[in-house]
Protein backbone atom coordinates (compact mmCIF):
# COMPACT_ATOMS: atom_id res chain seq x y z
CA LEU A 1 -9.87 -14.23 18.53
CA ASN A 2 -10.31 -16.85 15.80
CA LEU A 3 -10.00 -14.12 13.17
CA ILE A 4 -6.85 -12.72 14.82
CA GLU A 5 -5.33 -16.20 14.92
CA HIS A 6 -6.20 -16.70 11.25
CA ILE A 7 -4.72 -13.35 10.17
CA PHE A 8 -1.57 -13.33 12.33
CA GLY A 9 -0.87 -17.08 12.41
CA ASN A 10 2.19 -17.87 14.53
CA LYS A 11 2.42 -14.13 15.29
CA TYR A 12 -0.89 -14.35 17.19
CA GLU A 13 0.44 -12.89 20.45
CA ILE A 14 2.04 -10.03 18.53
CA GLY A 15 -1.28 -9.45 16.79
CA LEU A 16 -3.03 -9.09 20.13
CA ARG A 17 -0.39 -6.64 21.35
CA TYR A 18 -0.70 -4.68 18.10
CA LEU A 19 -4.47 -4.35 18.55
CA LYS A 20 -4.09 -3.43 22.22
CA VAL A 21 -1.76 -0.58 21.26
CA LEU A 22 -4.15 0.56 18.51
CA PHE A 23 -6.96 0.76 21.04
CA GLU A 24 -5.21 2.03 24.17
CA TYR A 25 -2.30 4.10 22.80
CA PRO A 26 -3.48 5.87 19.63
CA LYS A 27 -0.44 8.17 19.58
CA GLN A 28 2.06 5.29 19.53
CA ILE A 29 4.02 4.63 16.29
CA LEU A 30 3.50 1.11 14.90
CA PRO A 31 4.91 -0.83 11.93
CA ILE A 32 3.04 -0.97 8.63
CA VAL A 33 0.97 -4.17 8.65
CA VAL A 34 0.71 -5.83 5.22
CA LEU A 35 -1.67 -8.75 4.65
CA VAL A 36 -0.76 -10.66 1.49
CA SER A 37 -2.30 -13.57 -0.38
CA GLU A 38 -2.85 -14.46 -4.02
CA GLU A 39 -5.93 -16.45 -3.00
CA ARG A 40 -9.42 -15.07 -2.57
CA GLY A 41 -11.58 -15.69 0.49
CA THR A 42 -8.77 -15.23 3.00
CA GLY A 43 -10.44 -12.74 5.34
CA LYS A 44 -8.09 -9.84 4.54
CA THR A 45 -10.91 -7.47 3.62
CA THR A 46 -12.99 -8.74 6.55
CA PHE A 47 -10.17 -7.72 8.87
CA LEU A 48 -10.12 -4.21 7.36
CA ASN A 49 -13.89 -3.96 7.72
CA TRP A 50 -13.58 -5.04 11.36
CA MET A 51 -11.02 -2.30 12.02
CA ASP A 52 -13.47 0.18 10.50
CA MET A 53 -16.27 -1.13 12.76
CA ILE A 54 -14.13 -0.74 15.87
CA PHE A 55 -12.52 2.63 15.22
CA GLY A 56 -15.24 4.38 13.22
CA GLU A 57 -14.38 7.98 12.32
CA ASN A 58 -10.79 7.47 13.50
CA CYS A 59 -10.35 5.11 10.54
CA VAL A 60 -10.34 5.73 6.78
CA SER A 61 -10.12 3.52 3.69
CA ILE A 62 -8.11 4.93 0.80
CA SER A 63 -6.42 3.74 -2.40
CA PRO A 64 -2.69 3.77 -3.18
CA ASP A 65 -3.44 6.66 -5.59
CA ASP A 66 -4.67 8.75 -2.64
CA VAL A 67 -1.23 8.38 -1.06
CA ALA A 68 0.52 9.45 -4.25
CA ARG A 69 -1.65 12.54 -4.75
CA GLY A 70 -0.64 15.92 -3.43
CA PHE A 71 -3.85 16.41 -1.44
CA ASN A 72 -3.88 14.42 1.82
CA SER A 73 -6.80 15.82 3.82
CA ILE A 74 -8.68 12.54 3.38
CA TYR A 75 -6.30 10.76 5.77
CA ALA A 76 -4.28 13.49 7.52
CA THR A 77 -6.61 13.59 10.55
CA LYS A 78 -7.15 9.84 10.82
CA ASN A 79 -5.54 7.40 13.24
CA ILE A 80 -5.82 4.23 11.14
CA ILE A 81 -5.33 4.24 7.36
CA LEU A 82 -6.63 1.17 5.50
CA ILE A 83 -5.47 0.46 1.95
CA ASP A 84 -7.05 -2.50 0.11
CA GLU A 85 -5.59 -4.07 -3.05
CA ALA A 86 -2.44 -2.03 -2.52
CA VAL A 87 0.31 -2.05 -5.13
CA ALA A 88 2.92 0.70 -4.93
CA GLU A 89 4.75 0.61 -8.24
CA LYS A 90 6.43 3.99 -7.85
CA GLN A 91 9.27 4.32 -5.35
CA ALA A 92 7.99 7.76 -4.41
CA THR A 93 4.77 6.17 -3.12
CA VAL A 94 6.77 3.64 -1.09
CA GLU A 95 8.87 6.38 0.47
CA LYS A 96 5.76 8.38 1.27
CA LEU A 97 4.18 5.39 3.03
CA LYS A 98 7.33 4.89 5.10
CA SER A 99 7.39 8.57 5.96
CA ILE A 100 3.74 8.52 7.01
CA ALA A 101 4.37 5.53 9.27
CA THR A 102 6.88 7.42 11.41
CA ALA A 103 5.81 11.07 10.99
CA LYS A 104 5.02 13.08 14.12
CA THR A 105 3.44 15.93 12.17
CA ILE A 106 1.85 16.27 8.75
CA SER A 107 1.26 19.24 6.46
CA VAL A 108 -2.41 19.09 5.54
CA SER A 109 -2.96 19.86 1.88
CA GLN A 110 -6.44 20.33 0.47
CA LYS A 111 -7.97 22.23 -2.41
CA PHE A 112 -8.36 25.98 -2.02
CA VAL A 113 -6.89 25.96 1.50
CA SER A 114 -3.41 27.01 2.55
CA GLU A 115 -1.29 24.20 3.94
CA TYR A 116 -1.08 23.91 7.71
CA SER A 117 0.73 21.50 10.03
CA ILE A 118 -0.90 19.30 12.67
CA PRO A 119 0.24 16.41 14.93
CA PHE A 120 -0.05 13.09 13.11
CA TYR A 121 -0.57 9.61 14.55
CA GLY A 122 -1.51 7.57 11.49
CA LYS A 123 -1.06 3.79 11.40
CA ILE A 124 -1.20 1.93 8.08
CA ILE A 125 -2.73 -1.47 7.29
CA LEU A 126 -2.36 -2.73 3.70
CA CYS A 127 -4.01 -5.64 1.91
CA THR A 128 -2.79 -7.00 -1.43
CA ASN A 129 -2.94 -10.09 -3.62
CA LYS A 130 0.61 -9.39 -4.81
CA GLU A 131 2.58 -11.59 -2.43
CA THR A 132 6.09 -10.85 -3.65
CA ASP A 133 6.07 -7.56 -5.55
CA PHE A 134 3.45 -5.19 -4.11
CA MET A 135 6.32 -2.76 -3.47
CA LYS A 136 10.10 -2.68 -3.14
CA ILE A 137 11.34 -3.16 0.43
CA ASP A 138 15.04 -2.76 1.24
CA ASN A 139 16.84 -5.52 3.10
CA GLU A 140 17.50 -3.22 6.10
CA GLU A 141 13.91 -1.97 6.29
CA ILE A 142 12.22 -2.59 9.68
CA ARG A 143 8.94 -0.73 9.25
CA PHE A 144 6.95 -3.52 7.58
CA PHE A 145 5.12 -6.41 9.25
CA VAL A 146 4.18 -8.69 6.33
CA LEU A 147 1.81 -11.61 6.94
CA LYS A 148 0.82 -14.34 4.47
CA VAL A 149 -2.88 -15.00 5.10
CA PRO A 150 -4.21 -18.49 4.25
CA THR A 151 -7.56 -19.26 2.65
CA ILE A 152 -10.50 -19.74 4.99
CA GLN A 153 -11.52 -23.39 4.79
CA LYS A 154 -15.07 -22.97 6.11
CA LEU A 155 -16.76 -19.73 5.02
CA ASN A 156 -19.03 -18.00 7.55
CA THR A 157 -21.32 -15.56 5.75
CA GLN A 158 -22.37 -14.01 9.10
CA ILE A 159 -18.81 -13.31 10.27
CA GLU A 160 -19.01 -9.51 10.09
CA THR A 161 -22.26 -9.43 12.06
CA LEU A 162 -20.72 -11.65 14.73
CA LEU A 163 -17.57 -9.51 14.84
CA PHE A 164 -19.62 -6.36 15.27
CA ASN A 165 -21.68 -7.83 18.10
CA GLU A 166 -18.55 -8.94 19.97
CA ILE A 167 -16.73 -5.59 19.80
CA PRO A 168 -17.53 -4.49 23.40
CA MET A 169 -16.35 -7.83 24.81
CA PHE A 170 -13.25 -7.86 22.64
CA LEU A 171 -12.20 -4.35 23.67
CA LYS A 172 -12.63 -5.29 27.33
CA TYR A 173 -10.46 -8.35 26.68
CA LEU A 174 -7.72 -6.14 25.20
CA THR A 175 -7.67 -3.94 28.31
CA GLN A 176 -7.11 -7.03 30.47
CA LEU A 177 -4.01 -8.18 28.57
CA ALA A 178 -0.53 -7.59 30.02
CA ASP A 179 0.79 -4.02 29.93
CA ILE A 180 2.76 -2.98 26.85
CA ASP A 181 6.55 -2.81 27.13
CA PHE A 182 7.58 0.45 25.45
CA SER A 183 11.31 -0.08 25.98
CA LEU A 184 11.96 -2.63 23.21
CA SER A 185 11.54 -0.40 20.15
CA ARG A 186 10.13 2.96 19.10
CA MET A 187 7.55 0.89 17.18
CA ILE A 188 6.90 -1.42 20.17
CA PHE A 189 8.01 -4.54 18.28
CA THR A 190 11.60 -5.56 17.58
CA ALA A 191 12.81 -6.43 14.08
CA ASP A 192 12.95 -10.10 15.07
CA GLU A 193 9.35 -10.07 16.32
CA ILE A 194 7.93 -8.80 13.03
CA LYS A 195 10.31 -10.76 10.84
CA SER A 196 8.47 -13.29 8.66
CA ASP A 197 9.01 -15.55 5.67
CA ALA A 198 6.59 -13.37 3.70
CA LEU A 199 8.69 -10.27 4.43
CA GLU A 200 11.93 -12.02 3.43
CA ILE A 201 10.39 -13.09 0.11
CA VAL A 202 9.41 -9.48 -0.67
CA LYS A 203 12.91 -8.24 0.25
CA GLU A 204 14.48 -10.86 -2.02
CA GLU A 205 12.17 -9.95 -4.90
CA SER A 206 12.98 -6.25 -4.36
CA LYS A 207 16.66 -6.76 -5.20
CA SER A 208 17.86 -5.45 -8.54
CA GLY A 209 18.54 -7.84 -11.42
CA LEU A 210 22.29 -7.27 -11.05
CA CYS A 211 22.17 -8.02 -7.33
CA LYS A 212 20.29 -11.26 -7.96
CA GLU A 213 22.87 -12.34 -10.57
CA ILE A 214 25.72 -11.63 -8.15
CA ASP A 215 23.95 -13.69 -5.47
CA ILE A 216 23.63 -16.62 -7.89
CA ILE A 217 27.33 -16.45 -8.79
CA VAL A 218 28.45 -16.19 -5.16
CA ASN A 219 26.20 -19.07 -4.11
CA SER A 220 27.47 -21.15 -7.02
CA ILE A 221 31.11 -20.55 -6.04
CA THR A 222 30.37 -21.31 -2.38
CA THR A 223 28.62 -24.56 -3.31
CA LYS A 224 31.54 -25.72 -5.46
CA GLN A 225 34.04 -24.95 -2.68
CA CYS A 226 32.00 -26.98 -0.21
């Protein structure tokens, strides 16, 4: 619970609901979780490793290049897709990530095998040290849950061992939390619930140069009128 509070901050309760859905409702669509921080020693990678401990073969770690490639068999049959040090410079990769997050089926493509379609329930968790420009996110986009993760003040070198040992108790704890309300959004969480300062910064940085210049001019005119 201390790790969840550290990762999700003031979105702690949402973090617990997110993990409950991951565990109890593997077919449910969820937003793309993005953990950002320029600092090292924040626990981002520890969180990914913990997800891998919990979900085992239902989980896979890939690189952004794996998403961009034509062959997708490495993650097509997985429920949780972990991407560390993620930077999506090409818009095509961004669009593919967004498509994966909401897809109900996926065409499996692998070498020397004809493509075939299967049901798909993949959820994506990204980690990156690029706080503002890991990818371009439109202002209207509601599929990203971006969290700024602070540095851990007191390092615990045994944290992953402790996390592993507590998995059975933690999973029991999740089952005892309040039932999930599926009526709020197709991704469980409303846009307001997953809205964050970190997400707004990325959206602002994603604007084109011309758009930013127009914003400056409009704000300047508004300030003078006031």
